[in-house]
Amino acid sequence: PSGARVNLWQAGQSIGSVRVNEPGCPI
């Protein structure tokens, strides 16, 4: 409602990010 856009993801073969929280990765 405030205007921020985001995507919703239901995993199939891909869950999304497999590696996170370390250098170079989303944290």
PDB file of all heavy atoms in Angstrom:
ATOM      1  N   PRO A   1       0.799  -1.234   0.000  1.00  0.00           N
ATOM      2  CA  PRO A   1       0.000   0.000   0.000  1.00  0.00           C
ATOM      3  C   PRO A   1       0.830   1.282   0.000  1.00  0.00           C
ATOM      4  O   PRO A   1       0.324   2.341  -0.396  1.00  0.00           O
ATOM      5  CB  PRO A   1      -0.827  -0.110   1.288  1.00  0.00           C
ATOM      6  CG  PRO A   1      -0.865  -1.558   1.599  1.00  0.00           C
ATOM      7  CD  PRO A   1       0.445  -2.103   1.134  1.00  0.00           C
ATOM      8  N   SER A   2       2.081   1.216   0.428  1.00  0.00           N
ATOM      9  CA  SER A   2       2.918   2.422   0.441  1.00  0.00           C
ATOM     10  C   SER A   2       3.645   2.628  -0.885  1.00  0.00           C
ATOM     11  O   SER A   2       4.290   3.649  -1.094  1.00  0.00           O
ATOM     12  CB  SER A   2       3.926   2.361   1.589  1.00  0.00           C
ATOM     13  OG  SER A   2       4.967   1.437   1.327  1.00  0.00           O
ATOM     14  N   GLY A   3       3.559   1.635  -1.800  1.00  0.00           N
ATOM     15  CA  GLY A   3       4.157   1.778  -3.117  1.00  0.00           C
ATOM     16  C   GLY A   3       5.395   0.939  -3.369  1.00  0.00           C
ATOM     17  O   GLY A   3       5.930   0.936  -4.476  1.00  0.00           O
ATOM     18  N   ALA A   4       5.885   0.228  -2.353  1.00  0.00           N
ATOM     19  CA  ALA A   4       7.072  -0.613  -2.539  1.00  0.00           C
ATOM     20  C   ALA A   4       6.700  -1.875  -3.311  1.00  0.00           C
ATOM     21  O   ALA A   4       5.699  -2.528  -3.004  1.00  0.00           O
ATOM     22  CB  ALA A   4       7.687  -0.977  -1.198  1.00  0.00           C
ATOM     23  N   ARG A   5       7.520  -2.207  -4.294  1.00  0.00           N
ATOM     24  CA  ARG A   5       7.271  -3.394  -5.106  1.00  0.00           C
ATOM     25  C   ARG A   5       8.110  -4.565  -4.601  1.00  0.00           C
ATOM     26  O   ARG A   5       9.257  -4.403  -4.191  1.00  0.00           O
ATOM     27  CB  ARG A   5       7.618  -3.112  -6.574  1.00  0.00           C
ATOM     28  CG  ARG A   5       6.654  -2.167  -7.253  1.00  0.00           C
ATOM     29  CD  ARG A   5       7.053  -1.893  -8.698  1.00  0.00           C
ATOM     30  NE  ARG A   5       5.986  -1.274  -9.441  1.00  0.00           N
ATOM     31  CZ  ARG A   5       5.779   0.038  -9.512  1.00  0.00           C
ATOM     32  NH1 ARG A   5       6.596   0.857  -8.858  1.00  0.00           N
ATOM     33  NH2 ARG A   5       4.774   0.534 -10.211  1.00  0.00           N
ATOM     34  N   VAL A   6       7.535  -5.771  -4.674  1.00  0.00           N
ATOM     35  CA  VAL A   6       8.251  -6.978  -4.271  1.00  0.00           C
ATOM     36  C   VAL A   6       7.640  -8.151  -5.024  1.00  0.00           C
ATOM     37  O   VAL A   6       6.488  -8.081  -5.492  1.00  0.00           O
ATOM     38  CB  VAL A   6       8.150  -7.170  -2.732  1.00  0.00           C
ATOM     39  CG1 VAL A   6       6.747  -7.585  -2.318  1.00  0.00           C
ATOM     40  CG2 VAL A   6       9.195  -8.142  -2.228  1.00  0.00           C
ATOM     41  N   ASN A   7       8.415  -9.202  -5.180  1.00  0.00           N
ATOM     42  CA  ASN A   7       7.935 -10.406  -5.853  1.00  0.00           C
ATOM     43  C   ASN A   7       7.692 -11.503  -4.828  1.00  0.00           C
ATOM     44  O   ASN A   7       8.434 -11.635  -3.852  1.00  0.00           O
ATOM     45  CB  ASN A   7       8.962 -10.885  -6.880  1.00  0.00           C
ATOM     46  CG  ASN A   7       9.239  -9.851  -7.948  1.00  0.00           C
ATOM     47  OD1 ASN A   7       8.341  -9.415  -8.659  1.00  0.00           O
ATOM     48  ND2 ASN A   7      10.490  -9.428  -8.066  1.00  0.00           N
ATOM     49  N   LEU A   8       6.672 -12.308  -5.071  1.00  0.00           N
ATOM     50  CA  LEU A   8       6.382 -13.468  -4.241  1.00  0.00           C
ATOM     51  C   LEU A   8       6.802 -14.711  -5.014  1.00  0.00           C
ATOM     52  O   LEU A   8       6.492 -14.838  -6.201  1.00  0.00           O
ATOM     53  CB  LEU A   8       4.889 -13.533  -3.907  1.00  0.00           C
ATOM     54  CG  LEU A   8       4.277 -12.274  -3.274  1.00  0.00           C
ATOM     55  CD1 LEU A   8       2.793 -12.484  -3.017  1.00  0.00           C
ATOM     56  CD2 LEU A   8       5.003 -11.893  -1.985  1.00  0.00           C
ATOM     57  N   TRP A   9       7.505 -15.626  -4.343  1.00  0.00           N
ATOM     58  CA  TRP A   9       8.074 -16.795  -5.032  1.00  0.00           C
ATOM     59  C   TRP A   9       7.677 -18.094  -4.339  1.00  0.00           C
ATOM     60  O   TRP A   9       7.983 -18.297  -3.167  1.00  0.00           O
ATOM     61  CB  TRP A   9       9.592 -16.692  -5.084  1.00  0.00           C
ATOM     62  CG  TRP A   9      10.246 -17.832  -5.806  1.00  0.00           C
ATOM     63  CD1 TRP A   9      10.900 -18.898  -5.240  1.00  0.00           C
ATOM     64  CD2 TRP A   9      10.317 -18.029  -7.224  1.00  0.00           C
ATOM     65  NE1 TRP A   9      11.374 -19.740  -6.224  1.00  0.00           N
ATOM     66  CE2 TRP A   9      11.034 -19.230  -7.452  1.00  0.00           C
ATOM     67  CE3 TRP A   9       9.854 -17.288  -8.320  1.00  0.00           C
ATOM     68  CZ2 TRP A   9      11.285 -19.719  -8.727  1.00  0.00           C
ATOM     69  CZ3 TRP A   9      10.106 -17.774  -9.592  1.00  0.00           C
ATOM     70  CH2 TRP A   9      10.811 -18.965  -9.790  1.00  0.00           C
ATOM     71  N   GLN A  10       7.001 -18.958  -5.093  1.00  0.00           N
ATOM     72  CA  GLN A  10       6.705 -20.312  -4.637  1.00  0.00           C
ATOM     73  C   GLN A  10       7.692 -21.246  -5.316  1.00  0.00           C
ATOM     74  O   GLN A  10       7.711 -21.375  -6.535  1.00  0.00           O
ATOM     75  CB  GLN A  10       5.270 -20.696  -5.001  1.00  0.00           C
ATOM     76  CG  GLN A  10       4.888 -22.113  -4.598  1.00  0.00           C
ATOM     77  CD  GLN A  10       3.490 -22.483  -5.070  1.00  0.00           C
ATOM     78  OE1 GLN A  10       2.637 -21.610  -5.281  1.00  0.00           O
ATOM     79  NE2 GLN A  10       3.247 -23.768  -5.247  1.00  0.00           N
ATOM     80  N   ALA A  11       8.531 -21.881  -4.547  1.00  0.00           N
ATOM     81  CA  ALA A  11       9.615 -22.690  -5.104  1.00  0.00           C
ATOM     82  C   ALA A  11       9.104 -23.898  -5.864  1.00  0.00           C
ATOM     83  O   ALA A  11       8.161 -24.571  -5.443  1.00  0.00           O
ATOM     84  CB  ALA A  11      10.548 -23.145  -3.994  1.00  0.00           C
ATOM     85  N   GLY A  12       9.752 -24.136  -7.021  1.00  0.00           N
ATOM     86  CA  GLY A  12       9.590 -25.374  -7.753  1.00  0.00           C
ATOM     87  C   GLY A  12      10.937 -26.065  -7.718  1.00  0.00           C
ATOM     88  O   GLY A  12      11.408 -26.491  -6.676  1.00  0.00           O
ATOM     89  N   GLN A  13      11.601 -26.097  -8.871  1.00  0.00           N
ATOM     90  CA  GLN A  13      12.954 -26.644  -8.902  1.00  0.00           C
ATOM     91  C   GLN A  13      13.961 -25.705  -8.243  1.00  0.00           C
ATOM     92  O   GLN A  13      15.036 -26.138  -7.838  1.00  0.00           O
ATOM     93  CB  GLN A  13      13.373 -26.932 -10.347  1.00  0.00           C
ATOM     94  CG  GLN A  13      12.602 -28.059 -11.014  1.00  0.00           C
ATOM     95  CD  GLN A  13      13.056 -28.300 -12.444  1.00  0.00           C
ATOM     96  OE1 GLN A  13      13.864 -27.548 -12.993  1.00  0.00           O
ATOM     97  NE2 GLN A  13      12.523 -29.341 -13.063  1.00  0.00           N
ATOM     98  N   SER A  14      13.628 -24.420  -8.150  1.00  0.00           N
ATOM     99  CA  SER A  14      14.536 -23.434  -7.561  1.00  0.00           C
ATOM    100  C   SER A  14      13.924 -22.800  -6.326  1.00  0.00           C
ATOM    101  O   SER A  14      12.794 -22.307  -6.363  1.00  0.00           O
ATOM    102  CB  SER A  14      14.873 -22.334  -8.572  1.00  0.00           C
ATOM    103  OG  SER A  14      15.612 -21.293  -7.962  1.00  0.00           O
ATOM    104  N   ILE A  15      14.695 -22.797  -5.228  1.00  0.00           N
ATOM    105  CA  ILE A  15      14.236 -22.093  -4.029  1.00  0.00           C
ATOM    106  C   ILE A  15      14.590 -20.618  -4.081  1.00  0.00           C
ATOM    107  O   ILE A  15      14.069 -19.808  -3.324  1.00  0.00           O
ATOM    108  CB  ILE A  15      14.841 -22.706  -2.747  1.00  0.00           C
ATOM    109  CG1 ILE A  15      16.375 -22.567  -2.761  1.00  0.00           C
ATOM    110  CG2 ILE A  15      14.412 -24.152  -2.575  1.00  0.00           C
ATOM    111  CD1 ILE A  15      17.017 -22.809  -1.409  1.00  0.00           C
ATOM    112  N   GLY A  16      15.533 -20.257  -4.984  1.00  0.00           N
ATOM    113  CA  GLY A  16      16.041 -18.890  -5.053  1.00  0.00           C
ATOM    114  C   GLY A  16      17.525 -18.873  -4.776  1.00  0.00           C
ATOM    115  O   GLY A  16      18.293 -19.597  -5.419  1.00  0.00           O
ATOM    116  N   SER A  17      17.949 -18.100  -3.803  1.00  0.00           N
ATOM    117  CA  SER A  17      19.374 -17.996  -3.466  1.00  0.00           C
ATOM    118  C   SER A  17      19.800 -19.211  -2.643  1.00  0.00           C
ATOM    119  O   SER A  17      19.297 -19.428  -1.537  1.00  0.00           O
ATOM    120  CB  SER A  17      19.657 -16.718  -2.672  1.00  0.00           C
ATOM    121  OG  SER A  17      19.322 -15.567  -3.423  1.00  0.00           O
ATOM    122  N   VAL A  18      20.744 -19.978  -3.185  1.00  0.00           N
ATOM    123  CA  VAL A  18      21.236 -21.163  -2.479  1.00  0.00           C
ATOM    124  C   VAL A  18      22.337 -20.784  -1.495  1.00  0.00           C
ATOM    125  O   VAL A  18      22.483 -21.394  -0.444  1.00  0.00           O
ATOM    126  CB  VAL A  18      21.753 -22.212  -3.490  1.00  0.00           C
ATOM    127  CG1 VAL A  18      22.385 -23.399  -2.786  1.00  0.00           C
ATOM    128  CG2 VAL A  18      20.612 -22.669  -4.401  1.00  0.00           C
ATOM    129  N   ARG A  19      23.119 -19.769  -1.820  1.00  0.00           N
ATOM    130  CA  ARG A  19      24.201 -19.317  -0.934  1.00  0.00           C
ATOM    131  C   ARG A  19      23.919 -17.880  -0.500  1.00  0.00           C
ATOM    132  O   ARG A  19      23.679 -17.005  -1.329  1.00  0.00           O
ATOM    133  CB  ARG A  19      25.559 -19.421  -1.637  1.00  0.00           C
ATOM    134  CG  ARG A  19      26.749 -19.138  -0.723  1.00  0.00           C
ATOM    135  CD  ARG A  19      28.076 -19.326  -1.441  1.00  0.00           C
ATOM    136  NE  ARG A  19      28.349 -20.717  -1.744  1.00  0.00           N
ATOM    137  CZ  ARG A  19      28.963 -21.560  -0.926  1.00  0.00           C
ATOM    138  NH1 ARG A  19      29.364 -21.147   0.272  1.00  0.00           N
ATOM    139  NH2 ARG A  19      29.188 -22.810  -1.282  1.00  0.00           N
ATOM    140  N   VAL A  20      23.979 -17.635   0.795  1.00  0.00           N
ATOM    141  CA  VAL A  20      23.696 -16.313   1.363  1.00  0.00           C
ATOM    142  C   VAL A  20      24.643 -16.050   2.537  1.00  0.00           C
ATOM    143  O   VAL A  20      25.365 -16.945   2.988  1.00  0.00           O
ATOM    144  CB  VAL A  20      22.231 -16.198   1.848  1.00  0.00           C
ATOM    145  CG1 VAL A  20      21.255 -16.340   0.688  1.00  0.00           C
ATOM    146  CG2 VAL A  20      21.923 -17.253   2.914  1.00  0.00           C
ATOM    147  N   ASN A  21      24.628 -14.797   2.999  1.00  0.00           N
ATOM    148  CA  ASN A  21      25.279 -14.421   4.260  1.00  0.00           C
ATOM    149  C   ASN A  21      26.785 -14.644   4.282  1.00  0.00           C
ATOM    150  O   ASN A  21      27.361 -14.883   5.349  1.00  0.00           O
ATOM    151  CB  ASN A  21      24.648 -15.174   5.447  1.00  0.00           C
ATOM    152  CG  ASN A  21      23.166 -14.901   5.587  1.00  0.00           C
ATOM    153  OD1 ASN A  21      22.652 -13.910   5.064  1.00  0.00           O
ATOM    154  ND2 ASN A  21      22.462 -15.785   6.264  1.00  0.00           N
ATOM    155  N   GLU A  22      27.437 -14.571   3.121  1.00  0.00           N
ATOM    156  CA  GLU A  22      28.892 -14.602   3.079  1.00  0.00           C
ATOM    157  C   GLU A  22      29.339 -13.707   1.944  1.00  0.00           C
ATOM    158  O   GLU A  22      28.520 -13.256   1.133  1.00  0.00           O
ATOM    159  CB  GLU A  22      29.413 -16.028   2.937  1.00  0.00           C
ATOM    160  CG  GLU A  22      28.993 -16.755   1.689  1.00  0.00           C
ATOM    161  CD  GLU A  22      29.596 -18.168   1.659  1.00  0.00           C
ATOM    162  OE1 GLU A  22      29.238 -18.999   2.505  1.00  0.00           O
ATOM    163  OE2 GLU A  22      30.423 -18.419   0.777  1.00  0.00           O
ATOM    164  N   PRO A  23      30.633 -13.369   1.856  1.00  0.00           N
ATOM    165  CA  PRO A  23      31.074 -12.362   0.894  1.00  0.00           C
ATOM    166  C   PRO A  23      30.551 -12.582  -0.526  1.00  0.00           C
ATOM    167  O   PRO A  23      30.632 -13.679  -1.080  1.00  0.00           O
ATOM    168  CB  PRO A  23      32.594 -12.481   0.964  1.00  0.00           C
ATOM    169  CG  PRO A  23      32.856 -12.864   2.383  1.00  0.00           C
ATOM    170  CD  PRO A  23      31.745 -13.815   2.722  1.00  0.00           C
ATOM    171  N   GLY A  24      29.984 -11.497  -1.087  1.00  0.00           N
ATOM    172  CA  GLY A  24      29.426 -11.525  -2.429  1.00  0.00           C
ATOM    173  C   GLY A  24      27.970 -11.908  -2.494  1.00  0.00           C
ATOM    174  O   GLY A  24      27.354 -11.820  -3.558  1.00  0.00           O
ATOM    175  N   CYS A  25      27.393 -12.338  -1.371  1.00  0.00           N
ATOM    176  CA  CYS A  25      26.028 -12.868  -1.350  1.00  0.00           C
ATOM    177  C   CYS A  25      25.071 -11.940  -0.601  1.00  0.00           C
ATOM    178  O   CYS A  25      25.493 -11.155   0.251  1.00  0.00           O
ATOM    179  CB  CYS A  25      26.013 -14.236  -0.681  1.00  0.00           C
ATOM    180  SG  CYS A  25      27.071 -15.465  -1.462  1.00  0.00           S
ATOM    181  N   PRO A  26      23.765 -12.044  -0.880  1.00  0.00           N
ATOM    182  CA  PRO A  26      22.799 -11.270  -0.110  1.00  0.00           C
ATOM    183  C   PRO A  26      22.878 -11.636   1.368  1.00  0.00           C
ATOM    184  O   PRO A  26      23.019 -12.813   1.724  1.00  0.00           O
ATOM    185  CB  PRO A  26      21.443 -11.691  -0.702  1.00  0.00           C
ATOM    186  CG  PRO A  26      21.759 -12.288  -2.033  1.00  0.00           C
ATOM    187  CD  PRO A  26      23.107 -12.898  -1.901  1.00  0.00           C
ATOM    188  N   ILE A  27      22.791 -10.620   2.221  1.00  0.00           N
ATOM    189  CA  ILE A  27      22.832 -10.871   3.668  1.00  0.00           C
ATOM    190  C   ILE A  27      21.674 -10.208   4.396  1.00  0.00           C
ATOM    191  O   ILE A  27      21.296 -10.630   5.486  1.00  0.00           O
ATOM    192  CB  ILE A  27      24.182 -10.407   4.265  1.00  0.00           C
ATOM    193  CG1 ILE A  27      24.334 -10.869   5.717  1.00  0.00           C
ATOM    194  CG2 ILE A  27      24.366  -8.884   4.122  1.00  0.00           C
ATOM    195  CD1 ILE A  27      25.704 -10.663   6.296  1.00  0.00           C
TER     196      ILE A  27
END
